[in-house]
Amino acid sequence: MASASHSIEVAVPPEAFHRVVQDYARYPEFVPELKAVKVGTRRGDAVDVTYWLDVKLNVIDFTLRHVTRSPQCIEWALVRGGEFMRANAGAWTIEKTRTGGTRATYRIDIDFGPLVPGALEKALAERGLPNMLANFKARAESLAEAVR
């Protein structure tokens, strides 16, 4: 299993960033690797979301259960991974900075199974994080600009 964590500073209040993270249906608009998303019915603070992810050689689909633990924490765990994913768990931690912006930390533990060697699994988990976080930062800041 590979683990990775990365943080980014975003020039929007934590509440605004939290809304972007929870707007799962719009992820394909700003995360290029996501081809489609299907958001299930919310049950309390939990919602199951199915993702179709383009991994260059194939499009894989998997379902995560996202649970909002607090305005500062959204966790997820794998519900269904198919043949390419045995585990996927992690969390967003959203904190207010001294300037009123947001420090967002994304942590993931992922296991692609025997088809992906451990070293490649770790590289995929670590290499993708900075780009993905940059996409979330750009989305949150562009939405904030549109409101001003």
Protein backbone atom coordinates (compact mmCIF):
# COMPACT_ATOMS: atom_id res chain seq x y z
CA MET A 1 0.00 0.00 0.00
CA ALA A 2 1.27 3.45 -0.90
CA SER A 3 0.73 6.51 1.28
CA ALA A 4 1.18 10.14 0.34
CA SER A 5 0.29 13.54 1.74
CA HIS A 6 0.58 17.03 0.29
CA SER A 7 -0.56 20.52 1.36
CA ILE A 8 -1.29 23.70 -0.53
CA GLU A 9 -2.17 27.29 0.38
CA VAL A 10 -5.33 28.64 -1.25
CA ALA A 11 -6.43 32.28 -1.32
CA VAL A 12 -10.04 31.60 -0.32
CA PRO A 13 -11.69 31.12 3.08
CA PRO A 14 -11.91 27.52 4.33
CA GLU A 15 -15.70 27.45 3.80
CA ALA A 16 -15.25 28.23 0.09
CA PHE A 17 -12.62 25.53 -0.34
CA HIS A 18 -14.81 23.04 1.54
CA ARG A 19 -17.65 23.71 -0.94
CA VAL A 20 -15.33 22.94 -3.88
CA VAL A 21 -14.19 19.68 -2.29
CA GLN A 22 -17.80 18.60 -1.68
CA ASP A 23 -19.00 19.48 -5.20
CA TYR A 24 -18.09 16.00 -6.48
CA ALA A 25 -20.27 16.21 -9.60
CA ARG A 26 -18.15 19.08 -10.94
CA TYR A 27 -14.74 17.40 -10.51
CA PRO A 28 -14.50 16.47 -14.24
CA GLU A 29 -14.67 20.21 -15.05
CA PHE A 30 -11.29 20.84 -13.41
CA VAL A 31 -9.59 17.46 -12.86
CA PRO A 32 -8.60 16.38 -16.41
CA GLU A 33 -8.05 12.71 -15.55
CA LEU A 34 -11.66 12.31 -14.38
CA LYS A 35 -13.90 11.44 -17.30
CA ALA A 36 -17.16 11.20 -15.33
CA VAL A 37 -18.58 11.16 -11.82
CA LYS A 38 -21.85 9.80 -10.46
CA VAL A 39 -22.95 11.11 -7.07
CA GLY A 40 -25.22 8.82 -5.07
CA THR A 41 -27.84 9.74 -2.51
CA ARG A 42 -26.60 11.51 0.62
CA ARG A 43 -27.16 9.65 3.86
CA GLY A 44 -26.49 12.05 6.71
CA ASP A 45 -22.89 13.21 6.37
CA ALA A 46 -21.99 10.42 3.90
CA VAL A 47 -22.29 10.09 0.13
CA ASP A 48 -21.06 7.42 -2.27
CA VAL A 49 -19.39 8.76 -5.41
CA THR A 50 -18.38 6.67 -8.42
CA TYR A 51 -15.45 7.96 -10.45
CA TRP A 52 -14.28 7.09 -13.96
CA LEU A 53 -10.55 7.81 -14.01
CA ASP A 54 -8.37 7.83 -17.14
CA VAL A 55 -5.08 6.14 -16.24
CA LYS A 56 -3.64 6.41 -19.77
CA LEU A 57 -3.89 2.70 -20.55
CA ASN A 58 -7.48 2.31 -19.45
CA VAL A 59 -10.43 4.04 -17.80
CA ILE A 60 -11.05 2.53 -14.38
CA ASP A 61 -14.10 3.07 -12.23
CA PHE A 62 -14.34 2.89 -8.48
CA THR A 63 -16.67 4.09 -5.73
CA LEU A 64 -15.63 5.99 -2.63
CA ARG A 65 -17.76 6.82 0.42
CA HIS A 66 -17.06 10.41 1.43
CA VAL A 67 -17.91 11.39 5.00
CA THR A 68 -17.85 14.96 6.26
CA ARG A 69 -16.51 14.69 9.80
CA SER A 70 -16.42 18.47 10.35
CA PRO A 71 -15.94 21.66 8.31
CA GLN A 72 -12.20 20.93 8.64
CA CYS A 73 -12.21 17.23 7.68
CA ILE A 74 -13.67 15.16 4.85
CA GLU A 75 -12.67 11.49 4.85
CA TRP A 76 -13.21 8.75 2.30
CA ALA A 77 -12.91 5.00 2.01
CA LEU A 78 -13.22 2.55 -0.85
CA VAL A 79 -16.62 0.94 -1.36
CA ARG A 80 -15.90 -0.75 -4.71
CA GLY A 81 -12.59 -0.87 -6.52
CA GLY A 82 -12.90 -3.53 -9.17
CA GLU A 83 -9.81 -5.40 -10.36
CA PHE A 84 -7.46 -2.40 -10.29
CA MET A 85 -7.92 -1.04 -6.76
CA ARG A 86 -7.92 -2.93 -3.46
CA ALA A 87 -7.81 0.05 -1.09
CA ASN A 88 -8.29 3.81 -1.25
CA ALA A 89 -8.70 5.79 1.96
CA GLY A 90 -7.75 9.26 2.99
CA ALA A 91 -8.86 12.71 4.02
CA TRP A 92 -8.91 16.38 3.22
CA THR A 93 -7.91 18.57 6.17
CA ILE A 94 -8.94 22.20 5.71
CA GLU A 95 -7.46 24.85 8.01
CA LYS A 96 -7.72 28.62 8.14
CA THR A 97 -4.45 30.48 7.65
CA ARG A 98 -3.43 33.65 9.49
CA THR A 99 -4.30 35.66 6.36
CA GLY A 100 -7.84 34.23 6.18
CA GLY A 101 -7.03 31.81 3.38
CA THR A 102 -6.90 28.05 3.50
CA ARG A 103 -4.23 25.44 4.03
CA ALA A 104 -5.57 22.25 2.45
CA THR A 105 -3.89 18.91 3.09
CA TYR A 106 -4.74 15.81 1.07
CA ARG A 107 -3.71 12.45 2.49
CA ILE A 108 -4.19 9.13 0.68
CA ASP A 109 -3.48 5.46 1.33
CA ILE A 110 -3.93 3.45 -1.87
CA ASP A 111 -3.39 -0.12 -3.01
CA PHE A 112 -3.74 -0.94 -6.71
CA GLY A 113 -3.24 -4.64 -6.13
CA PRO A 114 -0.81 -7.08 -7.70
CA LEU A 115 -1.04 -5.55 -11.19
CA VAL A 116 0.93 -2.47 -10.07
CA PRO A 117 4.35 -2.85 -8.38
CA GLY A 118 4.70 -1.12 -5.01
CA ALA A 119 7.34 1.36 -6.21
CA LEU A 120 5.14 2.43 -9.13
CA GLU A 121 2.13 2.64 -6.83
CA LYS A 122 4.03 5.01 -4.51
CA ALA A 123 5.25 7.13 -7.44
CA LEU A 124 1.72 7.42 -8.84
CA ALA A 125 0.34 8.45 -5.45
CA GLU A 126 3.05 11.06 -4.83
CA ARG A 127 3.46 12.45 -8.34
CA GLY A 128 -0.22 13.09 -8.94
CA LEU A 129 -0.88 15.01 -5.72
CA PRO A 130 0.73 18.37 -6.55
CA ASN A 131 -1.10 18.61 -9.89
CA MET A 132 -4.41 17.55 -8.40
CA LEU A 133 -4.10 20.05 -5.56
CA ALA A 134 -3.18 22.79 -8.05
CA ASN A 135 -6.42 21.98 -9.89
CA PHE A 136 -8.47 22.35 -6.69
CA LYS A 137 -6.66 25.60 -5.81
CA ALA A 138 -7.32 27.06 -9.27
CA ARG A 139 -10.97 26.04 -9.13
CA ALA A 140 -11.57 27.54 -5.68
CA GLU A 141 -9.77 30.78 -6.50
CA SER A 142 -11.51 31.17 -9.87
CA LEU A 143 -14.93 30.70 -8.27
CA ALA A 144 -14.05 33.27 -5.61
CA GLU A 145 -12.99 35.72 -8.35
CA ALA A 146 -16.28 35.18 -10.19
CA VAL A 147 -18.21 36.16 -7.05
CA ARG A 148 -16.24 39.38 -6.47
